[in-house]
Amino acid sequence: MKNCKHLFVLMLVLVISGCDDDSGHNHDDHDHDVDALTLDNCESSFGTGVDLFYSTYFSCVDATISGDNTVITSDNLPPYESWYYSESNGNHI
């Protein structure tokens, strides 16, 4: 039991020390491109019969009904600044 306590404390220390502090990145340290994809300007569509839940809690997706299923598709592009994008893209950091 004593070993379990030590293991738990060790895991807790590792988890806490492994958390990254993002306060070092200033999101306003560069120009924001007006062509950047955001939650405000991405395209969404919700087909006939799609529950209101999806239009309330989902953005940047297309939702349709297929039989008894709700099908959600997206362009797989995150609507925020990211290093994922190439330097020529408005969402590149």
N, C-alpha and C. Protein backbone atom coordinates (compact mmCIF):
# COMPACT_ATOMS: atom_id res chain seq x y z
N MET A 1 0.82 -1.19 0.00
CA MET A 1 0.00 0.00 0.00
C MET A 1 0.87 1.25 0.00
N LYS A 2 1.98 1.19 0.71
CA LYS A 2 2.90 2.33 0.78
C LYS A 2 3.46 2.63 -0.60
N ASN A 3 3.75 1.58 -1.38
CA ASN A 3 4.26 1.77 -2.73
C ASN A 3 3.22 2.43 -3.63
N CYS A 4 1.96 2.11 -3.42
CA CYS A 4 0.88 2.72 -4.20
C CYS A 4 0.81 4.21 -3.94
N LYS A 5 0.99 4.61 -2.68
CA LYS A 5 0.98 6.04 -2.34
C LYS A 5 2.13 6.76 -3.04
N HIS A 6 3.31 6.17 -2.99
CA HIS A 6 4.48 6.78 -3.63
C HIS A 6 4.29 6.86 -5.14
N LEU A 7 3.72 5.81 -5.71
CA LEU A 7 3.47 5.80 -7.15
C LEU A 7 2.45 6.87 -7.52
N PHE A 8 1.41 7.01 -6.72
CA PHE A 8 0.40 8.03 -6.97
C PHE A 8 1.01 9.43 -6.89
N VAL A 9 1.80 9.69 -5.88
CA VAL A 9 2.44 11.01 -5.73
C VAL A 9 3.38 11.27 -6.90
N LEU A 10 4.14 10.27 -7.30
CA LEU A 10 5.04 10.43 -8.44
C LEU A 10 4.26 10.74 -9.71
N MET A 11 3.18 10.02 -9.95
CA MET A 11 2.36 10.27 -11.14
C MET A 11 1.77 11.68 -11.10
N LEU A 12 1.31 12.10 -9.93
CA LEU A 12 0.74 13.43 -9.78
C LEU A 12 1.78 14.51 -10.09
N VAL A 13 2.98 14.35 -9.57
CA VAL A 13 4.06 15.30 -9.83
C VAL A 13 4.39 15.34 -11.32
N LEU A 14 4.45 14.19 -11.96
CA LEU A 14 4.76 14.14 -13.39
C LEU A 14 3.67 14.81 -14.22
N VAL A 15 2.43 14.58 -13.88
CA VAL A 15 1.32 15.18 -14.62
C VAL A 15 1.34 16.69 -14.47
N ILE A 16 1.51 17.17 -13.25
CA ILE A 16 1.52 18.62 -13.01
C ILE A 16 2.72 19.28 -13.66
N SER A 17 3.88 18.67 -13.56
CA SER A 17 5.08 19.28 -14.14
C SER A 17 5.09 19.17 -15.66
N GLY A 18 4.32 18.27 -16.21
CA GLY A 18 4.27 18.10 -17.66
C GLY A 18 3.31 19.04 -18.35
N CYS A 19 2.51 19.76 -17.59
CA CYS A 19 1.57 20.70 -18.19
C CYS A 19 2.32 21.90 -18.75
N ASP A 20 1.95 22.29 -19.95
CA ASP A 20 2.62 23.39 -20.63
C ASP A 20 1.92 24.70 -20.31
N ASP A 21 2.70 25.70 -19.98
CA ASP A 21 2.17 27.03 -19.71
C ASP A 21 2.21 27.81 -21.01
N ASP A 22 1.05 28.12 -21.57
CA ASP A 22 1.01 28.82 -22.85
C ASP A 22 1.00 30.33 -22.69
N SER A 23 1.22 30.83 -21.49
CA SER A 23 1.21 32.27 -21.29
C SER A 23 2.38 32.95 -22.01
N GLY A 24 3.37 32.18 -22.45
CA GLY A 24 4.49 32.74 -23.17
C GLY A 24 4.17 33.12 -24.60
N HIS A 25 3.06 32.59 -25.14
CA HIS A 25 2.69 32.91 -26.51
C HIS A 25 1.65 34.01 -26.51
N ASN A 26 2.01 35.12 -27.10
CA ASN A 26 1.09 36.25 -27.20
C ASN A 26 0.41 36.17 -28.55
N HIS A 27 -0.89 35.92 -28.56
CA HIS A 27 -1.62 35.76 -29.81
C HIS A 27 -1.77 37.08 -30.56
N ASP A 28 -1.42 38.17 -29.93
CA ASP A 28 -1.51 39.47 -30.60
C ASP A 28 -0.14 39.98 -31.03
N ASP A 29 0.86 39.09 -31.10
CA ASP A 29 2.20 39.52 -31.49
C ASP A 29 2.41 39.50 -32.99
N HIS A 30 1.35 39.29 -33.75
CA HIS A 30 1.45 39.25 -35.21
C HIS A 30 0.14 39.73 -35.81
N ASP A 31 0.19 40.08 -37.08
CA ASP A 31 -1.01 40.55 -37.77
C ASP A 31 -1.98 39.39 -37.98
N HIS A 32 -3.25 39.67 -37.82
CA HIS A 32 -4.28 38.67 -38.07
C HIS A 32 -4.83 38.89 -39.47
N ASP A 33 -4.84 37.85 -40.23
CA ASP A 33 -5.31 37.91 -41.61
C ASP A 33 -6.84 37.95 -41.62
N VAL A 34 -7.39 38.86 -42.40
CA VAL A 34 -8.85 38.95 -42.49
C VAL A 34 -9.44 37.72 -43.19
N ASP A 35 -8.60 36.96 -43.90
CA ASP A 35 -9.06 35.76 -44.58
C ASP A 35 -8.97 34.51 -43.70
N ALA A 36 -8.62 34.69 -42.44
CA ALA A 36 -8.48 33.55 -41.54
C ALA A 36 -9.83 32.87 -41.32
N LEU A 37 -9.80 31.56 -41.25
CA LEU A 37 -10.99 30.77 -40.96
C LEU A 37 -11.28 30.85 -39.46
N THR A 38 -12.48 31.28 -39.10
CA THR A 38 -12.88 31.40 -37.69
C THR A 38 -14.24 30.75 -37.50
N LEU A 39 -14.65 30.64 -36.26
CA LEU A 39 -15.99 30.11 -35.98
C LEU A 39 -17.07 31.04 -36.50
N ASP A 40 -16.74 32.32 -36.67
CA ASP A 40 -17.72 33.29 -37.16
C ASP A 40 -17.93 33.22 -38.67
N ASN A 41 -16.91 32.76 -39.42
CA ASN A 41 -17.05 32.80 -40.88
C ASN A 41 -16.98 31.43 -41.56
N CYS A 42 -16.85 30.35 -40.80
CA CYS A 42 -16.81 29.03 -41.44
C CYS A 42 -18.23 28.63 -41.85
N GLU A 43 -18.31 27.77 -42.84
CA GLU A 43 -19.61 27.34 -43.35
C GLU A 43 -20.14 26.14 -42.57
N SER A 44 -21.42 26.20 -42.26
CA SER A 44 -22.11 25.10 -41.60
C SER A 44 -23.44 24.90 -42.29
N SER A 45 -23.91 23.66 -42.33
CA SER A 45 -25.26 23.41 -42.83
C SER A 45 -25.86 22.25 -42.04
N PHE A 46 -27.16 22.38 -41.77
CA PHE A 46 -27.87 21.38 -41.00
C PHE A 46 -29.12 21.00 -41.78
N GLY A 47 -29.13 19.77 -42.27
CA GLY A 47 -30.21 19.31 -43.13
C GLY A 47 -31.55 19.18 -42.42
N THR A 48 -32.56 18.96 -43.21
CA THR A 48 -33.91 18.77 -42.70
C THR A 48 -33.95 17.57 -41.76
N GLY A 49 -34.53 17.75 -40.59
CA GLY A 49 -34.66 16.66 -39.64
C GLY A 49 -33.51 16.53 -38.66
N VAL A 50 -32.44 17.31 -38.84
CA VAL A 50 -31.32 17.25 -37.90
C VAL A 50 -31.75 17.93 -36.60
N ASP A 51 -31.50 17.27 -35.49
CA ASP A 51 -31.91 17.78 -34.18
C ASP A 51 -31.26 19.14 -33.89
N LEU A 52 -31.99 20.00 -33.19
CA LEU A 52 -31.52 21.34 -32.84
C LEU A 52 -30.21 21.30 -32.06
N PHE A 53 -29.97 20.23 -31.33
CA PHE A 53 -28.72 20.06 -30.57
C PHE A 53 -27.50 20.31 -31.44
N TYR A 54 -27.50 19.79 -32.66
CA TYR A 54 -26.33 19.89 -33.53
C TYR A 54 -26.07 21.32 -33.98
N SER A 55 -27.10 22.07 -34.30
CA SER A 55 -26.89 23.46 -34.72
C SER A 55 -26.54 24.35 -33.53
N THR A 56 -26.87 23.90 -32.33
CA THR A 56 -26.53 24.67 -31.13
C THR A 56 -25.08 24.46 -30.72
N TYR A 57 -24.59 23.23 -30.80
CA TYR A 57 -23.27 22.90 -30.26
C TYR A 57 -22.20 22.59 -31.29
N PHE A 58 -22.52 22.62 -32.58
CA PHE A 58 -21.54 22.32 -33.61
C PHE A 58 -21.41 23.50 -34.56
N SER A 59 -20.18 23.74 -35.02
CA SER A 59 -19.91 24.77 -36.03
C SER A 59 -18.96 24.18 -37.06
N CYS A 60 -18.93 24.77 -38.23
CA CYS A 60 -17.99 24.39 -39.29
C CYS A 60 -18.20 22.94 -39.74
N VAL A 61 -19.43 22.47 -39.72
CA VAL A 61 -19.75 21.10 -40.13
C VAL A 61 -20.99 21.10 -41.01
N ASP A 62 -21.18 20.00 -41.70
CA ASP A 62 -22.43 19.72 -42.41
C ASP A 62 -23.06 18.53 -41.70
N ALA A 63 -24.30 18.66 -41.30
CA ALA A 63 -25.00 17.57 -40.62
C ALA A 63 -26.24 17.19 -41.43
N THR A 64 -26.39 15.91 -41.69
CA THR A 64 -27.54 15.41 -42.44
C THR A 64 -28.10 14.18 -41.74
N ILE A 65 -29.28 13.80 -42.14
CA ILE A 65 -29.91 12.58 -41.63
C ILE A 65 -29.80 11.50 -42.70
N SER A 66 -29.38 10.31 -42.29
CA SER A 66 -29.33 9.15 -43.17
C SER A 66 -29.97 7.99 -42.43
N GLY A 67 -31.21 7.71 -42.76
CA GLY A 67 -31.94 6.67 -42.03
C GLY A 67 -32.18 7.11 -40.60
N ASP A 68 -31.70 6.33 -39.64
CA ASP A 68 -31.82 6.67 -38.22
C ASP A 68 -30.58 7.37 -37.69
N ASN A 69 -29.62 7.67 -38.56
CA ASN A 69 -28.33 8.23 -38.14
C ASN A 69 -28.20 9.70 -38.51
N THR A 70 -27.46 10.42 -37.68
CA THR A 70 -27.06 11.78 -38.01
C THR A 70 -25.62 11.70 -38.51
N VAL A 71 -25.37 12.20 -39.71
CA VAL A 71 -24.05 12.14 -40.32
C VAL A 71 -23.43 13.54 -40.26
N ILE A 72 -22.25 13.64 -39.65
CA ILE A 72 -21.56 14.92 -39.52
C ILE A 72 -20.27 14.84 -40.33
N THR A 73 -20.08 15.80 -41.22
CA THR A 73 -18.85 15.88 -42.01
C THR A 73 -18.26 17.27 -41.85
N SER A 74 -16.95 17.37 -42.09
CA SER A 74 -16.27 18.66 -42.01
C SER A 74 -15.16 18.71 -43.05
N ASP A 75 -14.56 19.89 -43.18
CA ASP A 75 -13.43 20.06 -44.08
C ASP A 75 -12.11 19.70 -43.40
N ASN A 76 -12.17 19.32 -42.13
CA ASN A 76 -10.99 18.94 -41.34
C ASN A 76 -9.98 20.07 -41.20
N LEU A 77 -10.47 21.30 -41.16
CA LEU A 77 -9.60 22.46 -40.98
C LEU A 77 -9.97 23.15 -39.68
N PRO A 78 -9.04 23.27 -38.74
CA PRO A 78 -9.37 23.92 -37.48
C PRO A 78 -9.61 25.41 -37.68
N PRO A 79 -10.71 25.95 -37.12
CA PRO A 79 -11.04 27.36 -37.32
C PRO A 79 -10.36 28.29 -36.31
N TYR A 80 -9.06 28.12 -36.14
CA TYR A 80 -8.29 28.96 -35.22
C TYR A 80 -6.85 28.98 -35.70
N GLU A 81 -6.05 29.87 -35.13
CA GLU A 81 -4.65 29.97 -35.51
C GLU A 81 -3.91 28.70 -35.10
N SER A 82 -3.06 28.21 -36.00
CA SER A 82 -2.35 26.97 -35.72
C SER A 82 -1.11 26.88 -36.61
N TRP A 83 -0.11 26.14 -36.12
CA TRP A 83 1.06 25.85 -36.95
C TRP A 83 0.73 24.76 -37.96
N TYR A 84 -0.45 24.21 -37.87
CA TYR A 84 -0.92 23.20 -38.80
C TYR A 84 -0.95 23.75 -40.22
N TYR A 85 -1.29 25.03 -40.34
CA TYR A 85 -1.43 25.67 -41.65
C TYR A 85 -0.08 26.09 -42.22
N SER A 86 -0.02 26.19 -43.54
CA SER A 86 1.19 26.67 -44.20
C SER A 86 1.33 28.17 -43.94
N GLU A 87 2.53 28.70 -44.14
CA GLU A 87 2.79 30.11 -43.87
C GLU A 87 1.96 31.05 -44.73
N SER A 88 1.49 30.59 -45.87
CA SER A 88 0.70 31.45 -46.75
C SER A 88 -0.78 31.50 -46.35
N ASN A 89 -1.18 30.69 -45.38
CA ASN A 89 -2.58 30.64 -44.96
C ASN A 89 -2.84 31.67 -43.86
N GLY A 90 -4.02 32.26 -43.86
CA GLY A 90 -4.40 33.26 -42.88
C GLY A 90 -4.47 32.75 -41.45
N ASN A 91 -4.55 31.44 -41.26
CA ASN A 91 -4.62 30.87 -39.92
C ASN A 91 -3.26 30.44 -39.37
N HIS A 92 -2.20 30.64 -40.15
CA HIS A 92 -0.87 30.26 -39.68
C HIS A 92 -0.41 31.19 -38.57
N ILE A 93 0.20 30.63 -37.54
CA ILE A 93 0.75 31.45 -36.45
C ILE A 93 2.15 31.86 -36.84
